[in-house]
Amino acid sequence: MKPPFIVDDSGDLSIFESVEEAERYLEPNDVEPGKCLAYDSEGRCLEGFDESKWFRHRVRLGPREGQPTHAPELLRGRLLYVLEGLETKETHEQLASLPLNELVAVAVEHLLSRDH
């Protein structure tokens, strides 16, 4: 899994520099079997595991797939959708033409400071 990590919370994207930060953000009720909760920077789909014990709540993230398959296209679409709603120096056409790693970098620039 390669940082940063993008959590898709019902359409609201949050970006975290480490998987541990993303795990602290997520709650056990966010975890559904087979649901893609987050992505790494390569578009690898990550799923959550509820490791809560007693009153100690904990979510762990792990890869749902070894190599990114269809998730990069899903991540690209989510990032483009969110970035269109923000003021960026790039036009939609410029953003749409960026490779995924550069699109993630633009999202980090605009979303990481917003989250923390």
N, C-alpha and C. Protein backbone atom coordinates (compact mmCIF):
# COMPACT_ATOMS: atom_id res chain seq x y z
N MET A 1 0.85 -1.18 0.00
CA MET A 1 0.00 0.00 0.00
C MET A 1 0.89 1.23 0.00
N LYS A 2 0.57 2.15 -0.88
CA LYS A 2 1.42 3.33 -1.07
C LYS A 2 0.67 4.61 -0.69
N PRO A 3 1.24 5.41 0.23
CA PRO A 3 0.57 6.66 0.62
C PRO A 3 0.62 7.69 -0.51
N PRO A 4 -0.23 8.70 -0.41
CA PRO A 4 -1.25 8.96 0.61
C PRO A 4 -2.45 8.05 0.42
N PHE A 5 -3.33 8.06 1.44
CA PHE A 5 -4.51 7.21 1.44
C PHE A 5 -5.75 8.09 1.34
N ILE A 6 -6.64 7.74 0.44
CA ILE A 6 -7.85 8.52 0.19
C ILE A 6 -9.05 7.73 0.70
N VAL A 7 -9.76 8.28 1.66
CA VAL A 7 -10.95 7.65 2.22
C VAL A 7 -12.17 8.29 1.56
N ASP A 8 -13.04 7.44 1.03
CA ASP A 8 -14.28 7.90 0.41
C ASP A 8 -15.41 7.66 1.40
N ASP A 9 -15.81 8.72 2.08
CA ASP A 9 -16.86 8.65 3.09
C ASP A 9 -18.17 9.12 2.46
N SER A 10 -18.82 8.23 1.74
CA SER A 10 -20.08 8.54 1.05
C SER A 10 -19.96 9.76 0.15
N GLY A 11 -18.89 9.83 -0.61
CA GLY A 11 -18.70 10.93 -1.55
C GLY A 11 -17.83 12.05 -1.04
N ASP A 12 -17.58 12.11 0.25
CA ASP A 12 -16.70 13.13 0.82
C ASP A 12 -15.31 12.50 0.95
N LEU A 13 -14.34 13.03 0.21
CA LEU A 13 -13.00 12.46 0.22
C LEU A 13 -12.13 13.14 1.27
N SER A 14 -11.38 12.33 1.98
CA SER A 14 -10.38 12.81 2.93
C SER A 14 -9.07 12.12 2.60
N ILE A 15 -7.98 12.86 2.74
CA ILE A 15 -6.66 12.32 2.40
C ILE A 15 -5.80 12.28 3.65
N PHE A 16 -5.10 11.15 3.81
CA PHE A 16 -4.26 10.94 4.98
C PHE A 16 -2.86 10.52 4.53
N GLU A 17 -1.87 11.00 5.25
CA GLU A 17 -0.48 10.71 4.91
C GLU A 17 -0.07 9.30 5.30
N SER A 18 -0.77 8.68 6.25
CA SER A 18 -0.42 7.33 6.68
C SER A 18 -1.69 6.50 6.82
N VAL A 19 -1.52 5.19 6.72
CA VAL A 19 -2.65 4.29 6.89
C VAL A 19 -3.17 4.36 8.32
N GLU A 20 -2.29 4.62 9.28
CA GLU A 20 -2.71 4.72 10.68
C GLU A 20 -3.64 5.91 10.89
N GLU A 21 -3.35 7.03 10.23
CA GLU A 21 -4.24 8.20 10.33
C GLU A 21 -5.61 7.86 9.76
N ALA A 22 -5.63 7.20 8.62
CA ALA A 22 -6.90 6.82 7.99
C ALA A 22 -7.68 5.86 8.89
N GLU A 23 -6.99 4.92 9.51
CA GLU A 23 -7.65 3.96 10.41
C GLU A 23 -8.25 4.67 11.62
N ARG A 24 -7.57 5.68 12.15
CA ARG A 24 -8.11 6.43 13.30
C ARG A 24 -9.35 7.22 12.89
N TYR A 25 -9.41 7.66 11.64
CA TYR A 25 -10.55 8.43 11.14
C TYR A 25 -11.80 7.55 11.01
N LEU A 26 -11.60 6.31 10.55
CA LEU A 26 -12.72 5.42 10.30
C LEU A 26 -13.30 4.86 11.59
N GLU A 27 -14.59 4.57 11.56
CA GLU A 27 -15.28 3.99 12.71
C GLU A 27 -15.75 2.58 12.35
N PRO A 28 -15.92 1.72 13.34
CA PRO A 28 -16.35 0.35 13.05
C PRO A 28 -17.63 0.25 12.23
N ASN A 29 -18.56 1.20 12.39
CA ASN A 29 -19.79 1.13 11.60
C ASN A 29 -19.57 1.48 10.13
N ASP A 30 -18.36 1.97 9.77
CA ASP A 30 -18.02 2.22 8.37
C ASP A 30 -17.67 0.94 7.64
N VAL A 31 -17.34 -0.10 8.38
CA VAL A 31 -16.84 -1.34 7.79
C VAL A 31 -18.00 -2.23 7.34
N GLU A 32 -18.00 -2.54 6.05
CA GLU A 32 -18.95 -3.48 5.47
C GLU A 32 -18.14 -4.49 4.66
N PRO A 33 -18.43 -5.77 4.80
CA PRO A 33 -17.66 -6.77 4.04
C PRO A 33 -17.67 -6.48 2.54
N GLY A 34 -16.49 -6.48 1.94
CA GLY A 34 -16.37 -6.29 0.50
C GLY A 34 -16.46 -4.86 0.03
N LYS A 35 -16.71 -3.91 0.93
CA LYS A 35 -16.85 -2.51 0.53
C LYS A 35 -15.48 -1.85 0.45
N CYS A 36 -15.27 -1.09 -0.61
CA CYS A 36 -14.03 -0.33 -0.77
C CYS A 36 -14.15 0.95 0.05
N LEU A 37 -13.43 1.02 1.16
CA LEU A 37 -13.49 2.19 2.04
C LEU A 37 -12.49 3.27 1.66
N ALA A 38 -11.39 2.82 1.07
CA ALA A 38 -10.30 3.76 0.81
C ALA A 38 -9.47 3.25 -0.37
N TYR A 39 -8.57 4.12 -0.81
CA TYR A 39 -7.65 3.79 -1.89
C TYR A 39 -6.25 4.22 -1.48
N ASP A 40 -5.26 3.52 -2.00
CA ASP A 40 -3.92 4.06 -1.85
C ASP A 40 -3.65 4.94 -3.07
N SER A 41 -2.48 5.55 -3.13
CA SER A 41 -2.21 6.52 -4.20
C SER A 41 -2.13 5.89 -5.58
N GLU A 42 -2.02 4.56 -5.66
CA GLU A 42 -1.99 3.88 -6.95
C GLU A 42 -3.39 3.42 -7.37
N GLY A 43 -4.39 3.68 -6.55
CA GLY A 43 -5.75 3.29 -6.86
C GLY A 43 -6.11 1.91 -6.35
N ARG A 44 -5.26 1.32 -5.54
CA ARG A 44 -5.55 0.01 -4.96
C ARG A 44 -6.69 0.15 -3.96
N CYS A 45 -7.71 -0.66 -4.13
CA CYS A 45 -8.87 -0.63 -3.25
C CYS A 45 -8.50 -1.22 -1.89
N LEU A 46 -8.87 -0.52 -0.82
CA LEU A 46 -8.60 -0.99 0.54
C LEU A 46 -9.94 -1.24 1.24
N GLU A 47 -9.99 -2.33 1.98
CA GLU A 47 -11.19 -2.62 2.74
C GLU A 47 -10.88 -2.56 4.23
N GLY A 48 -11.90 -2.36 5.01
CA GLY A 48 -11.72 -2.22 6.44
C GLY A 48 -12.09 -3.48 7.19
N PHE A 49 -11.45 -3.66 8.32
CA PHE A 49 -11.71 -4.78 9.21
C PHE A 49 -11.95 -4.21 10.60
N ASP A 50 -13.07 -4.59 11.19
CA ASP A 50 -13.42 -4.11 12.53
C ASP A 50 -12.67 -4.98 13.54
N GLU A 51 -11.71 -4.39 14.22
CA GLU A 51 -10.94 -5.10 15.24
C GLU A 51 -11.24 -4.56 16.63
N SER A 52 -12.47 -4.11 16.81
CA SER A 52 -12.88 -3.57 18.11
C SER A 52 -12.95 -4.67 19.14
N LYS A 53 -12.56 -4.32 20.35
CA LYS A 53 -12.67 -5.23 21.49
C LYS A 53 -13.22 -4.45 22.66
N TRP A 54 -14.20 -5.01 23.26
CA TRP A 54 -14.88 -4.38 24.38
C TRP A 54 -15.27 -2.96 24.02
N PHE A 55 -14.73 -1.98 24.73
CA PHE A 55 -15.08 -0.59 24.45
C PHE A 55 -13.99 0.12 23.67
N ARG A 56 -13.05 -0.64 23.18
CA ARG A 56 -11.94 -0.06 22.41
C ARG A 56 -12.23 -0.28 20.93
N HIS A 57 -12.56 0.82 20.23
CA HIS A 57 -12.93 0.73 18.81
C HIS A 57 -11.69 0.88 17.94
N ARG A 58 -11.59 -0.02 16.96
CA ARG A 58 -10.44 0.04 16.07
C ARG A 58 -10.80 -0.55 14.71
N VAL A 59 -10.42 0.19 13.67
CA VAL A 59 -10.57 -0.28 12.30
C VAL A 59 -9.18 -0.43 11.71
N ARG A 60 -8.97 -1.53 11.00
CA ARG A 60 -7.73 -1.76 10.26
C ARG A 60 -8.05 -1.74 8.78
N LEU A 61 -7.14 -1.19 7.99
CA LEU A 61 -7.28 -1.20 6.54
C LEU A 61 -6.29 -2.17 5.93
N GLY A 62 -6.73 -2.87 4.91
CA GLY A 62 -5.86 -3.78 4.19
C GLY A 62 -6.25 -3.81 2.73
N PRO A 63 -5.34 -4.22 1.87
CA PRO A 63 -5.65 -4.25 0.44
C PRO A 63 -6.71 -5.29 0.11
N ARG A 64 -7.67 -4.89 -0.71
CA ARG A 64 -8.68 -5.82 -1.20
C ARG A 64 -8.18 -6.54 -2.45
N GLU A 65 -7.12 -5.98 -3.04
CA GLU A 65 -6.54 -6.55 -4.24
C GLU A 65 -5.04 -6.37 -4.20
N GLY A 66 -4.31 -7.31 -4.77
CA GLY A 66 -2.85 -7.23 -4.78
C GLY A 66 -2.34 -6.13 -5.69
N GLN A 67 -2.87 -6.09 -6.89
CA GLN A 67 -2.52 -5.06 -7.86
C GLN A 67 -3.77 -4.23 -8.14
N PRO A 68 -3.60 -2.92 -8.36
CA PRO A 68 -4.77 -2.10 -8.69
C PRO A 68 -5.41 -2.61 -9.98
N THR A 69 -6.72 -2.85 -9.97
CA THR A 69 -7.40 -3.32 -11.17
C THR A 69 -8.32 -2.22 -11.69
N HIS A 70 -9.61 -2.29 -11.38
CA HIS A 70 -10.54 -1.26 -11.83
C HIS A 70 -10.59 -0.05 -10.91
N ALA A 71 -10.02 -0.17 -9.73
CA ALA A 71 -10.10 0.91 -8.74
C ALA A 71 -9.44 2.22 -9.20
N PRO A 72 -8.33 2.20 -9.97
CA PRO A 72 -7.77 3.49 -10.39
C PRO A 72 -8.77 4.35 -11.16
N GLU A 73 -9.61 3.74 -11.99
CA GLU A 73 -10.61 4.51 -12.73
C GLU A 73 -11.67 5.07 -11.78
N LEU A 74 -12.05 4.26 -10.79
CA LEU A 74 -13.01 4.73 -9.79
C LEU A 74 -12.43 5.89 -8.99
N LEU A 75 -11.18 5.75 -8.56
CA LEU A 75 -10.52 6.80 -7.80
C LEU A 75 -10.39 8.06 -8.65
N ARG A 76 -9.97 7.90 -9.90
CA ARG A 76 -9.84 9.05 -10.82
C ARG A 76 -11.16 9.81 -10.92
N GLY A 77 -12.25 9.09 -11.10
CA GLY A 77 -13.56 9.72 -11.20
C GLY A 77 -13.95 10.47 -9.94
N ARG A 78 -13.69 9.86 -8.76
CA ARG A 78 -14.01 10.51 -7.49
C ARG A 78 -13.18 11.78 -7.31
N LEU A 79 -11.88 11.70 -7.63
CA LEU A 79 -11.00 12.87 -7.48
C LEU A 79 -11.44 13.99 -8.41
N LEU A 80 -11.73 13.66 -9.67
CA LEU A 80 -12.17 14.70 -10.62
C LEU A 80 -13.45 15.36 -10.15
N TYR A 81 -14.39 14.57 -9.65
CA TYR A 81 -15.66 15.10 -9.18
C TYR A 81 -15.45 16.08 -8.03
N VAL A 82 -14.64 15.70 -7.05
CA VAL A 82 -14.40 16.55 -5.89
C VAL A 82 -13.62 17.80 -6.28
N LEU A 83 -12.60 17.64 -7.11
CA LEU A 83 -11.77 18.79 -7.50
C LEU A 83 -12.54 19.80 -8.35
N GLU A 84 -13.54 19.35 -9.10
CA GLU A 84 -14.36 20.28 -9.88
C GLU A 84 -15.09 21.26 -8.98
N GLY A 85 -15.42 20.84 -7.77
CA GLY A 85 -16.13 21.71 -6.83
C GLY A 85 -15.22 22.66 -6.06
N LEU A 86 -13.92 22.56 -6.28
CA LEU A 86 -12.97 23.42 -5.59
C LEU A 86 -12.33 24.39 -6.58
N GLU A 87 -11.80 25.46 -6.04
CA GLU A 87 -11.07 26.39 -6.89
C GLU A 87 -9.65 25.89 -7.06
N THR A 88 -9.35 25.44 -8.26
CA THR A 88 -7.99 24.99 -8.57
C THR A 88 -7.49 25.81 -9.75
N LYS A 89 -6.19 25.87 -9.90
CA LYS A 89 -5.63 26.63 -11.02
C LYS A 89 -5.77 25.86 -12.33
N GLU A 90 -6.05 24.55 -12.24
CA GLU A 90 -6.19 23.72 -13.43
C GLU A 90 -7.65 23.67 -13.88
N THR A 91 -7.85 23.62 -15.19
CA THR A 91 -9.20 23.46 -15.73
C THR A 91 -9.58 21.98 -15.63
N HIS A 92 -10.86 21.70 -15.85
CA HIS A 92 -11.32 20.31 -15.83
C HIS A 92 -10.56 19.48 -16.88
N GLU A 93 -10.36 20.05 -18.05
CA GLU A 93 -9.66 19.33 -19.11
C GLU A 93 -8.22 19.03 -18.71
N GLN A 94 -7.58 19.99 -18.05
CA GLN A 94 -6.21 19.76 -17.60
C GLN A 94 -6.17 18.66 -16.53
N LEU A 95 -7.10 18.72 -15.59
CA LEU A 95 -7.14 17.70 -14.55
C LEU A 95 -7.42 16.32 -15.15
N ALA A 96 -8.36 16.25 -16.08
CA ALA A 96 -8.74 14.97 -16.69
C ALA A 96 -7.60 14.35 -17.47
N SER A 97 -6.67 15.16 -17.95
CA SER A 97 -5.57 14.63 -18.75
C SER A 97 -4.37 14.19 -17.89
N LEU A 98 -4.40 14.50 -16.60
CA LEU A 98 -3.27 14.14 -15.74
C LEU A 98 -3.23 12.64 -15.46
N PRO A 99 -2.02 12.07 -15.39
CA PRO A 99 -1.92 10.68 -14.92
C PRO A 99 -2.37 10.62 -13.46
N LEU A 100 -2.76 9.44 -13.00
CA LEU A 100 -3.31 9.29 -11.65
C LEU A 100 -2.39 9.84 -10.57
N ASN A 101 -1.09 9.58 -10.65
CA ASN A 101 -0.19 10.06 -9.60
C ASN A 101 -0.17 11.59 -9.52
N GLU A 102 -0.27 12.27 -10.64
CA GLU A 102 -0.31 13.74 -10.62
C GLU A 102 -1.67 14.26 -10.14
N LEU A 103 -2.74 13.56 -10.49
CA LEU A 103 -4.07 13.94 -10.02
C LEU A 103 -4.15 13.79 -8.49
N VAL A 104 -3.56 12.72 -7.98
CA VAL A 104 -3.50 12.53 -6.52
C VAL A 104 -2.71 13.68 -5.88
N ALA A 105 -1.62 14.11 -6.51
CA ALA A 105 -0.82 15.22 -5.97
C ALA A 105 -1.64 16.51 -5.91
N VAL A 106 -2.44 16.77 -6.93
CA VAL A 106 -3.30 17.97 -6.92
C VAL A 106 -4.32 17.84 -5.79
N ALA A 107 -4.90 16.65 -5.64
CA ALA A 107 -5.88 16.44 -4.57
C ALA A 107 -5.24 16.63 -3.20
N VAL A 108 -4.03 16.13 -3.03
CA VAL A 108 -3.32 16.31 -1.75
C VAL A 108 -3.14 17.79 -1.47
N GLU A 109 -2.75 18.54 -2.48
CA GLU A 109 -2.54 19.99 -2.32
C GLU A 109 -3.81 20.68 -1.85
N HIS A 110 -4.97 20.27 -2.35
CA HIS A 110 -6.20 20.97 -2.04
C HIS A 110 -7.00 20.34 -0.89
N LEU A 111 -6.87 19.05 -0.68
CA LEU A 111 -7.69 18.38 0.32
C LEU A 111 -6.98 18.09 1.63
N LEU A 112 -5.67 17.86 1.59
CA LEU A 112 -4.97 17.51 2.81
C LEU A 112 -5.02 18.64 3.83
N SER A 113 -4.80 19.86 3.40
CA SER A 113 -4.84 20.99 4.33
C SER A 113 -6.25 21.23 4.84
N ARG A 114 -7.26 20.88 4.05
CA ARG A 114 -8.65 21.06 4.44
C ARG A 114 -9.05 20.10 5.54
N ASP A 115 -8.45 18.89 5.53
CA ASP A 115 -8.82 17.85 6.48
C ASP A 115 -8.17 18.03 7.84
N HIS A 116 -7.01 18.65 7.89
CA HIS A 116 -6.24 18.65 9.14
C HIS A 116 -6.09 20.04 9.70
